[in-house]
Amino acid sequence: MASLLNRGFTELVGLDLLSYPASSVYVERYARGGMSSGMVDLDTWRRRLMPLLVKRAQRLLEAPQ
């Protein structure tokens, strides 16, 4: 499940979350105006958001149909 979510992230942001060393990146297509517009905080995605999505996806897969 984690690899599928990481591939989705790579497709949306344009870089591999696991191997890209920076803590944040600017993605022009997400820039809508404002001071931090277009910035993706990779550290937050690595530490908090991706593990949360993986956990939620696993719960959904384990839930009785």
C-alpha atoms as a PDB file:
ATOM      1  CA  MET A   1       0.000   0.000   0.000  1.00  0.00           C
ATOM      2  CA  ALA A   2       2.796   2.431   0.877  1.00  0.00           C
ATOM      3  CA  SER A   3       4.461   1.968  -2.504  1.00  0.00           C
ATOM      4  CA  LEU A   4       1.205   2.733  -4.313  1.00  0.00           C
ATOM      5  CA  LEU A   5       0.729   5.932  -2.307  1.00  0.00           C
ATOM      6  CA  ASN A   6       4.347   6.942  -2.878  1.00  0.00           C
ATOM      7  CA  ARG A   7       3.911   6.445  -6.623  1.00  0.00           C
ATOM      8  CA  GLY A   8       0.824   8.664  -6.497  1.00  0.00           C
ATOM      9  CA  PHE A   9       2.769  11.328  -4.635  1.00  0.00           C
ATOM     10  CA  THR A  10       5.550  11.141  -7.218  1.00  0.00           C
ATOM     11  CA  GLU A  11       3.040  11.571 -10.022  1.00  0.00           C
ATOM     12  CA  LEU A  12       1.378  14.577  -8.376  1.00  0.00           C
ATOM     13  CA  VAL A  13       4.468  16.399  -7.111  1.00  0.00           C
ATOM     14  CA  GLY A  14       7.019  15.284  -9.686  1.00  0.00           C
ATOM     15  CA  LEU A  15       9.625  13.789  -7.359  1.00  0.00           C
ATOM     16  CA  ASP A  16      10.177  10.712  -5.245  1.00  0.00           C
ATOM     17  CA  LEU A  17       9.364  11.524  -1.631  1.00  0.00           C
ATOM     18  CA  LEU A  18      11.642   8.794  -0.296  1.00  0.00           C
ATOM     19  CA  SER A  19      14.800   9.686  -2.191  1.00  0.00           C
ATOM     20  CA  TYR A  20      14.543  13.455  -2.694  1.00  0.00           C
ATOM     21  CA  PRO A  21      16.778  14.987   0.005  1.00  0.00           C
ATOM     22  CA  ALA A  22      15.255  18.473   0.401  1.00  0.00           C
ATOM     23  CA  SER A  23      12.802  19.329   3.178  1.00  0.00           C
ATOM     24  CA  SER A  24      10.492  21.218   0.832  1.00  0.00           C
ATOM     25  CA  VAL A  25      10.021  21.892  -2.854  1.00  0.00           C
ATOM     26  CA  TYR A  26       8.275  24.462  -5.011  1.00  0.00           C
ATOM     27  CA  VAL A  27       5.740  23.047  -7.480  1.00  0.00           C
ATOM     28  CA  GLU A  28       4.568  25.715  -9.891  1.00  0.00           C
ATOM     29  CA  ARG A  29       1.261  24.037 -10.760  1.00  0.00           C
ATOM     30  CA  TYR A  30       0.176  24.320  -7.109  1.00  0.00           C
ATOM     31  CA  ALA A  31       1.033  28.021  -6.872  1.00  0.00           C
ATOM     32  CA  ARG A  32      -2.186  30.000  -6.494  1.00  0.00           C
ATOM     33  CA  GLY A  33      -0.838  33.182  -4.942  1.00  0.00           C
ATOM     34  CA  GLY A  34       0.258  33.952  -1.431  1.00  0.00           C
ATOM     35  CA  MET A  35       3.473  33.704   0.479  1.00  0.00           C
ATOM     36  CA  SER A  36       3.898  29.919   0.573  1.00  0.00           C
ATOM     37  CA  SER A  37       1.849  29.098  -2.496  1.00  0.00           C
ATOM     38  CA  GLY A  38       3.254  26.191  -4.462  1.00  0.00           C
ATOM     39  CA  MET A  39       5.457  24.929  -1.641  1.00  0.00           C
ATOM     40  CA  VAL A  40       5.198  21.277  -0.631  1.00  0.00           C
ATOM     41  CA  ASP A  41       6.622  20.479   2.802  1.00  0.00           C
ATOM     42  CA  LEU A  42       8.272  17.122   2.165  1.00  0.00           C
ATOM     43  CA  ASP A  43       9.262  16.618   5.802  1.00  0.00           C
ATOM     44  CA  THR A  44       5.605  16.827   6.853  1.00  0.00           C
ATOM     45  CA  TRP A  45       4.658  14.367   4.134  1.00  0.00           C
ATOM     46  CA  ARG A  46       7.424  11.964   5.216  1.00  0.00           C
ATOM     47  CA  ARG A  47       6.838  12.157   8.966  1.00  0.00           C
ATOM     48  CA  ARG A  48       3.114  12.645   9.305  1.00  0.00           C
ATOM     49  CA  LEU A  49       0.945  12.650   6.207  1.00  0.00           C
ATOM     50  CA  MET A  50       2.160   9.605   4.259  1.00  0.00           C
ATOM     51  CA  PRO A  51       2.173   7.339   7.344  1.00  0.00           C
ATOM     52  CA  LEU A  52      -1.341   8.571   8.140  1.00  0.00           C
ATOM     53  CA  LEU A  53      -2.572   7.775   4.616  1.00  0.00           C
ATOM     54  CA  VAL A  54      -0.947   4.337   4.728  1.00  0.00           C
ATOM     55  CA  LYS A  55      -2.576   3.565   8.076  1.00  0.00           C
ATOM     56  CA  ARG A  56      -6.008   4.692   6.856  1.00  0.00           C
ATOM     57  CA  ALA A  57      -5.704   2.716   3.634  1.00  0.00           C
ATOM     58  CA  GLN A  58      -4.703  -0.415   5.547  1.00  0.00           C
ATOM     59  CA  ARG A  59      -7.709  -0.018   7.837  1.00  0.00           C
ATOM     60  CA  LEU A  60     -10.004   0.294   4.851  1.00  0.00           C
ATOM     61  CA  LEU A  61      -8.543  -2.830   3.268  1.00  0.00           C
ATOM     62  CA  GLU A  62      -8.927  -4.786   6.503  1.00  0.00           C
ATOM     63  CA  ALA A  63     -12.520  -3.664   7.125  1.00  0.00           C
ATOM     64  CA  PRO A  64     -15.234  -6.257   6.546  1.00  0.00           C
ATOM     65  CA  GLN A  65     -16.913  -5.813   3.191  1.00  0.00           C
END
